[in-house]
Amino acid sequence: SGYTYDYLQQIAQYTGWDYEYVHVEGDLNEQLTMLLDMVANGEVDIIGAMNYSDQLAEQYDFAINAYGSAHTALFASNENEDLSFTNIYTKDKLRAAFNGPSPKTRAAVQTFCDMNGIELEAVTYESADEFLKALESGDVDVLTGVDINLIGGAHVVATLTQTPFYFAATKGSPDVVAALNEAIVQTRK
């Protein structure tokens, strides 16, 4: 379930496609790596919620049209009553967790902090589990994430840059990408 699932159901009305959803084991990073490999190898036809980059376009075919957008967001623990959407701007210092190297996210958070006179202390975690535990334990004030991917036990305290997301397909799949493009256009009518 979720936005991409619902969107795929909607475009199936235009493509006539039936879907077989693929689930893989592991933490979020492991799942994403496996699924991207499966798309690259042609074991899976399409994957959603992809950010476009020239580097990724060398490995996958992308729909031309985005099917949604998300905002980089800062999430605070629901236990932290001192940090909210209205008072984050009054903080002097913010300790933020990043899941792996994420230069675009880090730049967006740094810009937000600079614009609001907040000193940023960035902490990088290599696994999704460590990343989430850092917020639960209070080691960090906020997690970085995407506003459409809610984090259990946390709430959004700031939304930053907006980024479109796309469907990507196995490289060399012009028919699949053409059908996706047409269906996305049709859903907007």
C-alpha atoms as a PDB file:
ATOM      1  CA  SER A   1       0.000   0.000   0.000  1.00  0.00           C
ATOM      2  CA  GLY A   2       1.043   3.616  -0.245  1.00  0.00           C
ATOM      3  CA  TYR A   3       1.284   6.332  -2.859  1.00  0.00           C
ATOM      4  CA  THR A   4       3.273   4.368  -5.457  1.00  0.00           C
ATOM      5  CA  TYR A   5       1.025   1.316  -5.098  1.00  0.00           C
ATOM      6  CA  ASP A   6      -2.082   3.470  -5.537  1.00  0.00           C
ATOM      7  CA  TYR A   7      -0.521   5.250  -8.508  1.00  0.00           C
ATOM      8  CA  LEU A   8       0.369   1.945 -10.177  1.00  0.00           C
ATOM      9  CA  GLN A   9      -3.238   0.806  -9.751  1.00  0.00           C
ATOM     10  CA  GLN A  10      -4.390   4.031 -11.393  1.00  0.00           C
ATOM     11  CA  ILE A  11      -2.053   3.739 -14.387  1.00  0.00           C
ATOM     12  CA  ALA A  12      -3.029   0.081 -14.858  1.00  0.00           C
ATOM     13  CA  GLN A  13      -6.357   1.457 -16.092  1.00  0.00           C
ATOM     14  CA  TYR A  14      -4.465   2.925 -19.072  1.00  0.00           C
ATOM     15  CA  THR A  15      -1.772   0.284 -19.598  1.00  0.00           C
ATOM     16  CA  GLY A  16      -3.799  -2.855 -18.923  1.00  0.00           C
ATOM     17  CA  TRP A  17      -0.896  -4.152 -16.844  1.00  0.00           C
ATOM     18  CA  ASP A  18      -1.218  -6.708 -14.064  1.00  0.00           C
ATOM     19  CA  TYR A  19       1.437  -6.408 -11.404  1.00  0.00           C
ATOM     20  CA  GLU A  20       3.437  -8.891  -9.414  1.00  0.00           C
ATOM     21  CA  TYR A  21       4.919  -7.027  -6.467  1.00  0.00           C
ATOM     22  CA  VAL A  22       8.357  -8.129  -5.312  1.00  0.00           C
ATOM     23  CA  HIS A  23       9.382  -8.076  -1.653  1.00  0.00           C
ATOM     24  CA  VAL A  24      12.963  -8.622  -0.524  1.00  0.00           C
ATOM     25  CA  GLU A  25      14.478  -9.153   2.914  1.00  0.00           C
ATOM     26  CA  GLY A  26      16.941  -6.922   4.725  1.00  0.00           C
ATOM     27  CA  ASP A  27      17.131  -3.402   6.059  1.00  0.00           C
ATOM     28  CA  LEU A  28      16.045  -0.505   3.865  1.00  0.00           C
ATOM     29  CA  ASN A  29      19.456  -0.035   2.238  1.00  0.00           C
ATOM     30  CA  GLU A  30      19.790  -3.764   1.504  1.00  0.00           C
ATOM     31  CA  GLN A  31      16.270  -3.908   0.070  1.00  0.00           C
ATOM     32  CA  LEU A  32      16.868  -0.937  -2.201  1.00  0.00           C
ATOM     33  CA  THR A  33      20.197  -2.308  -3.415  1.00  0.00           C
ATOM     34  CA  MET A  34      18.635  -5.696  -4.183  1.00  0.00           C
ATOM     35  CA  LEU A  35      15.645  -4.199  -5.976  1.00  0.00           C
ATOM     36  CA  LEU A  36      17.813  -1.878  -8.073  1.00  0.00           C
ATOM     37  CA  ASP A  37      19.993  -4.841  -9.051  1.00  0.00           C
ATOM     38  CA  MET A  38      16.872  -6.815  -9.986  1.00  0.00           C
ATOM     39  CA  VAL A  39      15.651  -3.973 -12.216  1.00  0.00           C
ATOM     40  CA  ALA A  40      19.096  -3.596 -13.788  1.00  0.00           C
ATOM     41  CA  ASN A  41      19.201  -7.353 -14.505  1.00  0.00           C
ATOM     42  CA  GLY A  42      15.673  -7.441 -15.933  1.00  0.00           C
ATOM     43  CA  GLU A  43      14.272  -9.579 -13.097  1.00  0.00           C
ATOM     44  CA  VAL A  44      11.925  -6.706 -12.175  1.00  0.00           C
ATOM     45  CA  ASP A  45      10.434  -4.443 -14.848  1.00  0.00           C
ATOM     46  CA  ILE A  46       9.907  -1.170 -12.986  1.00  0.00           C
ATOM     47  CA  ILE A  47      10.654   0.511  -9.697  1.00  0.00           C
ATOM     48  CA  GLY A  48       9.057   3.658  -8.318  1.00  0.00           C
ATOM     49  CA  ALA A  49      10.088   6.613  -6.182  1.00  0.00           C
ATOM     50  CA  MET A  50      13.357   7.089  -8.057  1.00  0.00           C
ATOM     51  CA  ASN A  51      15.234  10.371  -8.152  1.00  0.00           C
ATOM     52  CA  TYR A  52      16.557  11.087 -11.624  1.00  0.00           C
ATOM     53  CA  SER A  53      20.274  11.592 -12.158  1.00  0.00           C
ATOM     54  CA  ASP A  54      22.476  11.296 -15.236  1.00  0.00           C
ATOM     55  CA  GLN A  55      24.435   8.555 -13.476  1.00  0.00           C
ATOM     56  CA  LEU A  56      21.297   6.481 -12.791  1.00  0.00           C
ATOM     57  CA  ALA A  57      20.052   7.112 -16.344  1.00  0.00           C
ATOM     58  CA  GLU A  58      23.098   5.201 -17.584  1.00  0.00           C
ATOM     59  CA  GLN A  59      21.782   2.125 -15.747  1.00  0.00           C
ATOM     60  CA  TYR A  60      17.981   2.506 -16.017  1.00  0.00           C
ATOM     61  CA  ASP A  61      15.402   3.954 -18.398  1.00  0.00           C
ATOM     62  CA  PHE A  62      13.337   6.674 -16.718  1.00  0.00           C
ATOM     63  CA  ALA A  63       9.838   7.857 -17.466  1.00  0.00           C
ATOM     64  CA  ILE A  64      10.002  11.432 -18.750  1.00  0.00           C
ATOM     65  CA  ASN A  65       7.184  12.558 -16.493  1.00  0.00           C
ATOM     66  CA  ALA A  66       7.441  12.560 -12.721  1.00  0.00           C
ATOM     67  CA  TYR A  67       4.496  10.978 -10.949  1.00  0.00           C
ATOM     68  CA  GLY A  68       4.917  12.897  -7.734  1.00  0.00           C
ATOM     69  CA  SER A  69       7.260  14.895  -5.603  1.00  0.00           C
ATOM     70  CA  ALA A  70       8.553  14.787  -2.087  1.00  0.00           C
ATOM     71  CA  HIS A  71      10.278  17.171   0.250  1.00  0.00           C
ATOM     72  CA  THR A  72      13.431  16.565   2.180  1.00  0.00           C
ATOM     73  CA  ALA A  73      12.237  16.748   5.770  1.00  0.00           C
ATOM     74  CA  LEU A  74      13.503  16.841   9.315  1.00  0.00           C
ATOM     75  CA  PHE A  75      11.812  14.460  11.751  1.00  0.00           C
ATOM     76  CA  ALA A  76      11.856  14.816  15.543  1.00  0.00           C
ATOM     77  CA  SER A  77      10.897  12.153  18.050  1.00  0.00           C
ATOM     78  CA  ASN A  78       7.314  12.284  19.280  1.00  0.00           C
ATOM     79  CA  GLU A  79       8.878  12.126  22.766  1.00  0.00           C
ATOM     80  CA  ASN A  80      10.686  15.427  22.150  1.00  0.00           C
ATOM     81  CA  GLU A  81       8.103  18.053  23.044  1.00  0.00           C
ATOM     82  CA  ASP A  82      10.757  20.779  22.802  1.00  0.00           C
ATOM     83  CA  LEU A  83      11.011  20.501  19.016  1.00  0.00           C
ATOM     84  CA  SER A  84       8.085  21.277  16.722  1.00  0.00           C
ATOM     85  CA  PHE A  85       7.184  22.673  13.303  1.00  0.00           C
ATOM     86  CA  THR A  86       6.760  26.109  14.859  1.00  0.00           C
ATOM     87  CA  ASN A  87       9.786  26.359  17.147  1.00  0.00           C
ATOM     88  CA  ILE A  88      12.584  24.623  15.233  1.00  0.00           C
ATOM     89  CA  TYR A  89      13.494  28.053  13.858  1.00  0.00           C
ATOM     90  CA  THR A  90      14.344  29.276  17.358  1.00  0.00           C
ATOM     91  CA  LYS A  91      17.010  26.645  18.033  1.00  0.00           C
ATOM     92  CA  ASP A  92      20.664  27.646  18.300  1.00  0.00           C
ATOM     93  CA  LYS A  93      22.046  24.213  17.461  1.00  0.00           C
ATOM     94  CA  LEU A  94      20.647  21.128  15.738  1.00  0.00           C
ATOM     95  CA  ARG A  95      22.184  17.658  15.798  1.00  0.00           C
ATOM     96  CA  ALA A  96      20.932  15.917  12.631  1.00  0.00           C
ATOM     97  CA  ALA A  97      21.282  12.273  11.574  1.00  0.00           C
ATOM     98  CA  PHE A  98      22.024  11.363   7.968  1.00  0.00           C
ATOM     99  CA  ASN A  99      21.642   7.830   6.633  1.00  0.00           C
ATOM    100  CA  GLY A 100      24.863   7.288   4.711  1.00  0.00           C
ATOM    101  CA  PRO A 101      26.550   9.827   2.474  1.00  0.00           C
ATOM    102  CA  SER A 102      23.837  12.126   1.190  1.00  0.00           C
ATOM    103  CA  PRO A 103      25.360  15.309  -0.247  1.00  0.00           C
ATOM    104  CA  LYS A 104      22.098  16.798  -1.574  1.00  0.00           C
ATOM    105  CA  THR A 105      20.263  16.221   1.695  1.00  0.00           C
ATOM    106  CA  ARG A 106      23.184  17.533   3.709  1.00  0.00           C
ATOM    107  CA  ALA A 107      23.336  20.667   1.529  1.00  0.00           C
ATOM    108  CA  ALA A 108      19.583  21.257   1.943  1.00  0.00           C
ATOM    109  CA  VAL A 109      19.784  20.893   5.726  1.00  0.00           C
ATOM    110  CA  GLN A 110      22.874  23.123   5.877  1.00  0.00           C
ATOM    111  CA  THR A 111      21.075  25.810   3.836  1.00  0.00           C
ATOM    112  CA  PHE A 112      18.037  25.594   6.134  1.00  0.00           C
ATOM    113  CA  CYS A 113      20.245  25.953   9.207  1.00  0.00           C
ATOM    114  CA  ASP A 114      22.270  28.809   7.695  1.00  0.00           C
ATOM    115  CA  MET A 115      19.102  30.703   6.754  1.00  0.00           C
ATOM    116  CA  ASN A 116      17.765  30.342  10.290  1.00  0.00           C
ATOM    117  CA  GLY A 117      20.963  30.996  12.233  1.00  0.00           C
ATOM    118  CA  ILE A 118      21.174  27.411  13.493  1.00  0.00           C
ATOM    119  CA  GLU A 119      24.489  25.643  13.994  1.00  0.00           C
ATOM    120  CA  LEU A 120      24.303  22.218  12.316  1.00  0.00           C
ATOM    121  CA  GLU A 121      26.047  19.197  13.765  1.00  0.00           C
ATOM    122  CA  ALA A 122      25.760  16.446  11.146  1.00  0.00           C
ATOM    123  CA  VAL A 123      26.070  12.806  12.216  1.00  0.00           C
ATOM    124  CA  THR A 124      26.308  10.076   9.571  1.00  0.00           C
ATOM    125  CA  TYR A 125      25.045   6.543  10.176  1.00  0.00           C
ATOM    126  CA  GLU A 126      25.844   3.650   7.865  1.00  0.00           C
ATOM    127  CA  SER A 127      22.745   1.558   8.538  1.00  0.00           C
ATOM    128  CA  ALA A 128      19.058   2.392   8.706  1.00  0.00           C
ATOM    129  CA  ASP A 129      18.818   0.661  12.104  1.00  0.00           C
ATOM    130  CA  GLU A 130      21.570   2.814  13.651  1.00  0.00           C
ATOM    131  CA  PHE A 131      20.008   5.881  12.050  1.00  0.00           C
ATOM    132  CA  LEU A 132      16.583   5.229  13.612  1.00  0.00           C
ATOM    133  CA  LYS A 133      18.028   4.222  16.989  1.00  0.00           C
ATOM    134  CA  ALA A 134      19.909   7.533  17.160  1.00  0.00           C
ATOM    135  CA  LEU A 135      16.602   9.422  17.294  1.00  0.00           C
ATOM    136  CA  GLU A 136      14.962   6.963  19.695  1.00  0.00           C
ATOM    137  CA  SER A 137      17.886   7.220  22.119  1.00  0.00           C
ATOM    138  CA  GLY A 138      18.103  11.013  21.896  1.00  0.00           C
ATOM    139  CA  ASP A 139      21.609  10.961  20.393  1.00  0.00           C
ATOM    140  CA  VAL A 140      20.328  13.325  17.683  1.00  0.00           C
ATOM    141  CA  ASP A 141      17.620  15.984  17.596  1.00  0.00           C
ATOM    142  CA  VAL A 142      16.326  15.139  14.129  1.00  0.00           C
ATOM    143  CA  LEU A 143      16.519  12.553  11.380  1.00  0.00           C
ATOM    144  CA  THR A 144      16.673  13.524   7.750  1.00  0.00           C
ATOM    145  CA  GLY A 145      14.137  11.878   5.496  1.00  0.00           C
ATOM    146  CA  VAL A 146      11.387  12.425   2.981  1.00  0.00           C
ATOM    147  CA  ASP A 147       8.018  13.829   4.001  1.00  0.00           C
ATOM    148  CA  ILE A 148       6.037  11.121   2.219  1.00  0.00           C
ATOM    149  CA  ASN A 149       7.868   8.331   4.084  1.00  0.00           C
ATOM    150  CA  LEU A 150       6.593   8.724   7.603  1.00  0.00           C
ATOM    151  CA  ILE A 151       8.834   7.464  10.381  1.00  0.00           C
ATOM    152  CA  GLY A 152       7.167   5.659  13.268  1.00  0.00           C
ATOM    153  CA  GLY A 153       7.456   7.536  16.544  1.00  0.00           C
ATOM    154  CA  ALA A 154       8.474  10.759  14.803  1.00  0.00           C
ATOM    155  CA  HIS A 155       6.877  13.850  13.303  1.00  0.00           C
ATOM    156  CA  VAL A 156       7.964  16.355  10.649  1.00  0.00           C
ATOM    157  CA  VAL A 157       9.369  19.582  12.069  1.00  0.00           C
ATOM    158  CA  ALA A 158      10.586  21.138   8.804  1.00  0.00           C
ATOM    159  CA  THR A 159      10.203  20.541   5.088  1.00  0.00           C
ATOM    160  CA  LEU A 160      13.037  21.605   2.829  1.00  0.00           C
ATOM    161  CA  THR A 161      13.746  21.072  -0.869  1.00  0.00           C
ATOM    162  CA  GLN A 162      11.168  19.556  -3.201  1.00  0.00           C
ATOM    163  CA  THR A 163      12.288  16.726  -5.481  1.00  0.00           C
ATOM    164  CA  PRO A 164      10.276  15.018  -8.235  1.00  0.00           C
ATOM    165  CA  PHE A 165      10.273  11.239  -8.332  1.00  0.00           C
ATOM    166  CA  TYR A 166       9.934   8.897 -11.271  1.00  0.00           C
ATOM    167  CA  PHE A 167       9.410   5.330 -12.344  1.00  0.00           C
ATOM    168  CA  ALA A 168      12.528   3.649 -13.701  1.00  0.00           C
ATOM    169  CA  ALA A 169      12.675   0.533 -15.865  1.00  0.00           C
ATOM    170  CA  THR A 170      15.249  -1.968 -17.009  1.00  0.00           C
ATOM    171  CA  LYS A 171      17.629  -0.289 -19.483  1.00  0.00           C
ATOM    172  CA  GLY A 172      16.483  -0.941 -23.060  1.00  0.00           C
ATOM    173  CA  SER A 173      12.742  -1.006 -22.260  1.00  0.00           C
ATOM    174  CA  PRO A 174      11.338   1.719 -24.546  1.00  0.00           C
ATOM    175  CA  ASP A 175       7.857   0.133 -24.693  1.00  0.00           C
ATOM    176  CA  VAL A 176       7.553   0.035 -20.902  1.00  0.00           C
ATOM    177  CA  VAL A 177       8.742   3.635 -20.554  1.00  0.00           C
ATOM    178  CA  ALA A 178       6.443   4.844 -23.360  1.00  0.00           C
ATOM    179  CA  ALA A 179       3.460   3.172 -21.677  1.00  0.00           C
ATOM    180  CA  LEU A 180       4.408   4.741 -18.337  1.00  0.00           C
ATOM    181  CA  ASN A 181       4.753   8.196 -19.902  1.00  0.00           C
ATOM    182  CA  GLU A 182       1.381   7.972 -21.633  1.00  0.00           C
ATOM    183  CA  ALA A 183      -0.376   6.649 -18.529  1.00  0.00           C
ATOM    184  CA  ILE A 184       1.101   9.392 -16.334  1.00  0.00           C
ATOM    185  CA  VAL A 185      -0.146  12.021 -18.801  1.00  0.00           C
ATOM    186  CA  GLN A 186      -3.593  10.391 -18.827  1.00  0.00           C
ATOM    187  CA  THR A 187      -3.851  10.464 -15.028  1.00  0.00           C
ATOM    188  CA  ARG A 188      -3.401  14.239 -15.105  1.00  0.00           C
ATOM    189  CA  LYS A 189      -6.387  14.855 -17.374  1.00  0.00           C
END
